[in-house]
Amino acid sequence: FAGASPGFEAAQRVRSFLAALTNEAPLVRAVMVEGGAEVIRSFLAAGVVDALCITTAPLLLAGGPRFGDSGGHGGSRGGEGDERVLPSRIELGCVAYEQLGEDVVLFATVETRASEPRP
């Protein structure tokens, strides 16, 4: 899903992927997803995230959206309609963190899930 826009279509693609995976491998009970801001947002928008493990490093990369941005092209607020997909707040529970060298790893459960996106 690299490059997928964090909106309705991206959430639908995530759901379709997980449905296909369930059909092909019915014994799969968990999926670990690695990616950046757009990938994380797409899975959160699909409402399929139970837990997060986010690693941050003391390094700034330019050119892409930040995790908290809604992914639009008009600045950090995002594009029109993005609010239909992600709630303004996502509540986390069981929060823990660990420092590994210069990196910090955040572990948390997702208590608030995105509602079903509307077209």
C-alpha atoms as a PDB file:
ATOM      1  CA  PHE A   1       0.000   0.000   0.000  1.00  0.00           C
ATOM      2  CA  ALA A   2       2.947   2.294  -0.426  1.00  0.00           C
ATOM      3  CA  GLY A   3       1.726   5.593  -1.775  1.00  0.00           C
ATOM      4  CA  ALA A   4      -1.952   4.912  -1.027  1.00  0.00           C
ATOM      5  CA  SER A   5      -3.872   8.038  -0.097  1.00  0.00           C
ATOM      6  CA  PRO A   6      -5.151   7.949   3.503  1.00  0.00           C
ATOM      7  CA  GLY A   7      -8.818   8.133   2.628  1.00  0.00           C
ATOM      8  CA  PHE A   8     -11.767   5.979   1.786  1.00  0.00           C
ATOM      9  CA  GLU A   9     -10.042   4.121  -1.074  1.00  0.00           C
ATOM     10  CA  ALA A  10      -6.977   3.254   1.009  1.00  0.00           C
ATOM     11  CA  ALA A  11      -9.150   1.919   3.850  1.00  0.00           C
ATOM     12  CA  GLN A  12     -11.133  -0.157   1.338  1.00  0.00           C
ATOM     13  CA  ARG A  13      -7.906  -1.583  -0.116  1.00  0.00           C
ATOM     14  CA  VAL A  14      -6.753  -2.583   3.377  1.00  0.00           C
ATOM     15  CA  ARG A  15     -10.079  -4.331   4.076  1.00  0.00           C
ATOM     16  CA  SER A  16      -9.950  -6.104   0.689  1.00  0.00           C
ATOM     17  CA  PHE A  17      -6.386  -7.250   1.332  1.00  0.00           C
ATOM     18  CA  LEU A  18      -7.275  -8.629   4.776  1.00  0.00           C
ATOM     19  CA  ALA A  19     -10.390 -10.378   3.398  1.00  0.00           C
ATOM     20  CA  ALA A  20      -8.299 -12.035   0.673  1.00  0.00           C
ATOM     21  CA  LEU A  21      -5.693 -13.057   3.248  1.00  0.00           C
ATOM     22  CA  THR A  22      -8.404 -14.588   5.450  1.00  0.00           C
ATOM     23  CA  ASN A  23      -9.765 -16.561   2.480  1.00  0.00           C
ATOM     24  CA  GLU A  24      -6.325 -17.820   1.439  1.00  0.00           C
ATOM     25  CA  ALA A  25      -4.940 -18.486   4.924  1.00  0.00           C
ATOM     26  CA  PRO A  26      -7.844 -18.972   7.366  1.00  0.00           C
ATOM     27  CA  LEU A  27      -5.500 -19.888  10.229  1.00  0.00           C
ATOM     28  CA  VAL A  28      -3.850 -16.436  10.203  1.00  0.00           C
ATOM     29  CA  ARG A  29      -4.981 -14.625  13.352  1.00  0.00           C
ATOM     30  CA  ALA A  30      -2.637 -11.629  13.391  1.00  0.00           C
ATOM     31  CA  VAL A  31      -0.812  -9.499  10.857  1.00  0.00           C
ATOM     32  CA  MET A  32       2.181  -7.286  11.573  1.00  0.00           C
ATOM     33  CA  VAL A  33       2.338  -4.242   9.316  1.00  0.00           C
ATOM     34  CA  GLU A  34       5.467  -2.142   8.898  1.00  0.00           C
ATOM     35  CA  GLY A  35       5.400   1.229   7.246  1.00  0.00           C
ATOM     36  CA  GLY A  36       5.402   4.956   7.563  1.00  0.00           C
ATOM     37  CA  ALA A  37       2.712   7.547   8.195  1.00  0.00           C
ATOM     38  CA  GLU A  38       0.590   6.749   5.142  1.00  0.00           C
ATOM     39  CA  VAL A  39       0.539   3.010   5.811  1.00  0.00           C
ATOM     40  CA  ILE A  40      -0.292   3.499   9.502  1.00  0.00           C
ATOM     41  CA  ARG A  41      -3.112   5.926   8.636  1.00  0.00           C
ATOM     42  CA  SER A  42      -4.554   3.543   6.029  1.00  0.00           C
ATOM     43  CA  PHE A  43      -4.806   0.682   8.532  1.00  0.00           C
ATOM     44  CA  LEU A  44      -6.166   2.962  11.275  1.00  0.00           C
ATOM     45  CA  ALA A  45      -8.776   4.309   8.835  1.00  0.00           C
ATOM     46  CA  ALA A  46      -9.826   0.740   8.017  1.00  0.00           C
ATOM     47  CA  GLY A  47     -10.490   0.181  11.735  1.00  0.00           C
ATOM     48  CA  VAL A  48      -8.378  -2.974  11.864  1.00  0.00           C
ATOM     49  CA  VAL A  49      -5.592  -1.942  14.260  1.00  0.00           C
ATOM     50  CA  ASP A  50      -5.615  -3.566  17.710  1.00  0.00           C
ATOM     51  CA  ALA A  51      -2.155  -2.485  18.856  1.00  0.00           C
ATOM     52  CA  LEU A  52       0.651  -0.166  17.825  1.00  0.00           C
ATOM     53  CA  CYS A  53       4.399  -0.469  18.143  1.00  0.00           C
ATOM     54  CA  ILE A  54       5.863   2.781  16.842  1.00  0.00           C
ATOM     55  CA  THR A  55       9.607   3.375  16.710  1.00  0.00           C
ATOM     56  CA  THR A  56      10.873   6.928  16.551  1.00  0.00           C
ATOM     57  CA  ALA A  57      14.430   7.894  15.866  1.00  0.00           C
ATOM     58  CA  PRO A  58      16.214  11.226  16.294  1.00  0.00           C
ATOM     59  CA  LEU A  59      16.205  11.787  12.534  1.00  0.00           C
ATOM     60  CA  LEU A  60      14.045  14.133  10.458  1.00  0.00           C
ATOM     61  CA  LEU A  61      13.033  13.084   6.961  1.00  0.00           C
ATOM     62  CA  ALA A  62      11.656  15.758   4.653  1.00  0.00           C
ATOM     63  CA  GLY A  63       9.078  15.400   1.920  1.00  0.00           C
ATOM     64  CA  GLY A  64       6.435  13.107   3.405  1.00  0.00           C
ATOM     65  CA  PRO A  65       3.435  13.550   5.661  1.00  0.00           C
ATOM     66  CA  ARG A  66       3.866  13.301   9.419  1.00  0.00           C
ATOM     67  CA  PHE A  67       1.921  10.611  11.259  1.00  0.00           C
ATOM     68  CA  GLY A  68      -0.604  13.100  12.671  1.00  0.00           C
ATOM     69  CA  ASP A  69      -1.263  14.827   9.363  1.00  0.00           C
ATOM     70  CA  SER A  70      -4.408  13.815   7.528  1.00  0.00           C
ATOM     71  CA  GLY A  71      -2.499  13.365   4.284  1.00  0.00           C
ATOM     72  CA  GLY A  72      -3.853  16.139   2.091  1.00  0.00           C
ATOM     73  CA  HIS A  73      -1.777  18.376  -0.088  1.00  0.00           C
ATOM     74  CA  GLY A  74      -2.859  21.643   1.483  1.00  0.00           C
ATOM     75  CA  GLY A  75      -0.688  21.512   4.602  1.00  0.00           C
ATOM     76  CA  SER A  76      -0.880  19.713   7.899  1.00  0.00           C
ATOM     77  CA  ARG A  77      -4.691  19.835   8.080  1.00  0.00           C
ATOM     78  CA  GLY A  78      -5.027  17.578   5.045  1.00  0.00           C
ATOM     79  CA  GLY A  79      -7.371  17.540   2.123  1.00  0.00           C
ATOM     80  CA  GLU A  80     -11.107  18.013   2.018  1.00  0.00           C
ATOM     81  CA  GLY A  81     -13.068  15.054   3.358  1.00  0.00           C
ATOM     82  CA  ASP A  82     -10.238  13.362   5.282  1.00  0.00           C
ATOM     83  CA  GLU A  83     -12.197  13.766   8.533  1.00  0.00           C
ATOM     84  CA  ARG A  84     -14.648  11.137   7.236  1.00  0.00           C
ATOM     85  CA  VAL A  85     -12.044   8.419   7.675  1.00  0.00           C
ATOM     86  CA  LEU A  86     -10.084   8.998  10.892  1.00  0.00           C
ATOM     87  CA  PRO A  87     -11.455  10.263  14.190  1.00  0.00           C
ATOM     88  CA  SER A  88      -9.879  13.465  15.471  1.00  0.00           C
ATOM     89  CA  ARG A  89      -8.515  11.486  18.455  1.00  0.00           C
ATOM     90  CA  ILE A  90      -7.446   7.885  18.761  1.00  0.00           C
ATOM     91  CA  GLU A  91      -7.393   6.733  22.377  1.00  0.00           C
ATOM     92  CA  LEU A  92      -4.511   4.474  23.357  1.00  0.00           C
ATOM     93  CA  GLY A  93      -4.419   2.102  26.317  1.00  0.00           C
ATOM     94  CA  CYS A  94      -1.745   0.019  28.030  1.00  0.00           C
ATOM     95  CA  VAL A  95       0.883   2.518  26.908  1.00  0.00           C
ATOM     96  CA  ALA A  96       4.502   1.579  27.519  1.00  0.00           C
ATOM     97  CA  TYR A  97       7.756   2.712  25.998  1.00  0.00           C
ATOM     98  CA  GLU A  98      11.348   1.571  25.880  1.00  0.00           C
ATOM     99  CA  GLN A  99      14.472   3.373  24.801  1.00  0.00           C
ATOM    100  CA  LEU A 100      16.742   1.328  22.554  1.00  0.00           C
ATOM    101  CA  GLY A 101      19.920   3.287  21.968  1.00  0.00           C
ATOM    102  CA  GLU A 102      18.812   6.597  20.454  1.00  0.00           C
ATOM    103  CA  ASP A 103      15.430   5.207  19.337  1.00  0.00           C
ATOM    104  CA  VAL A 104      12.256   5.183  21.434  1.00  0.00           C
ATOM    105  CA  VAL A 105       9.677   2.422  20.942  1.00  0.00           C
ATOM    106  CA  LEU A 106       6.048   3.055  21.952  1.00  0.00           C
ATOM    107  CA  PHE A 107       3.757   0.097  22.622  1.00  0.00           C
ATOM    108  CA  ALA A 108      -0.009   0.681  23.003  1.00  0.00           C
ATOM    109  CA  THR A 109      -3.400  -0.865  22.401  1.00  0.00           C
ATOM    110  CA  VAL A 110      -5.915   1.019  20.256  1.00  0.00           C
ATOM    111  CA  GLU A 111      -9.030   1.812  22.289  1.00  0.00           C
ATOM    112  CA  THR A 112     -10.788   4.075  19.737  1.00  0.00           C
ATOM    113  CA  ARG A 113     -11.121   2.737  16.216  1.00  0.00           C
ATOM    114  CA  ALA A 114     -12.051   4.652  13.105  1.00  0.00           C
ATOM    115  CA  SER A 115     -15.682   4.302  12.145  1.00  0.00           C
ATOM    116  CA  GLU A 116     -16.749   2.788   8.838  1.00  0.00           C
ATOM    117  CA  PRO A 117     -15.669   5.285   6.166  1.00  0.00           C
ATOM    118  CA  ARG A 118     -18.340   6.795   3.965  1.00  0.00           C
ATOM    119  CA  PRO A 119     -17.767   7.284   0.243  1.00  0.00           C
END
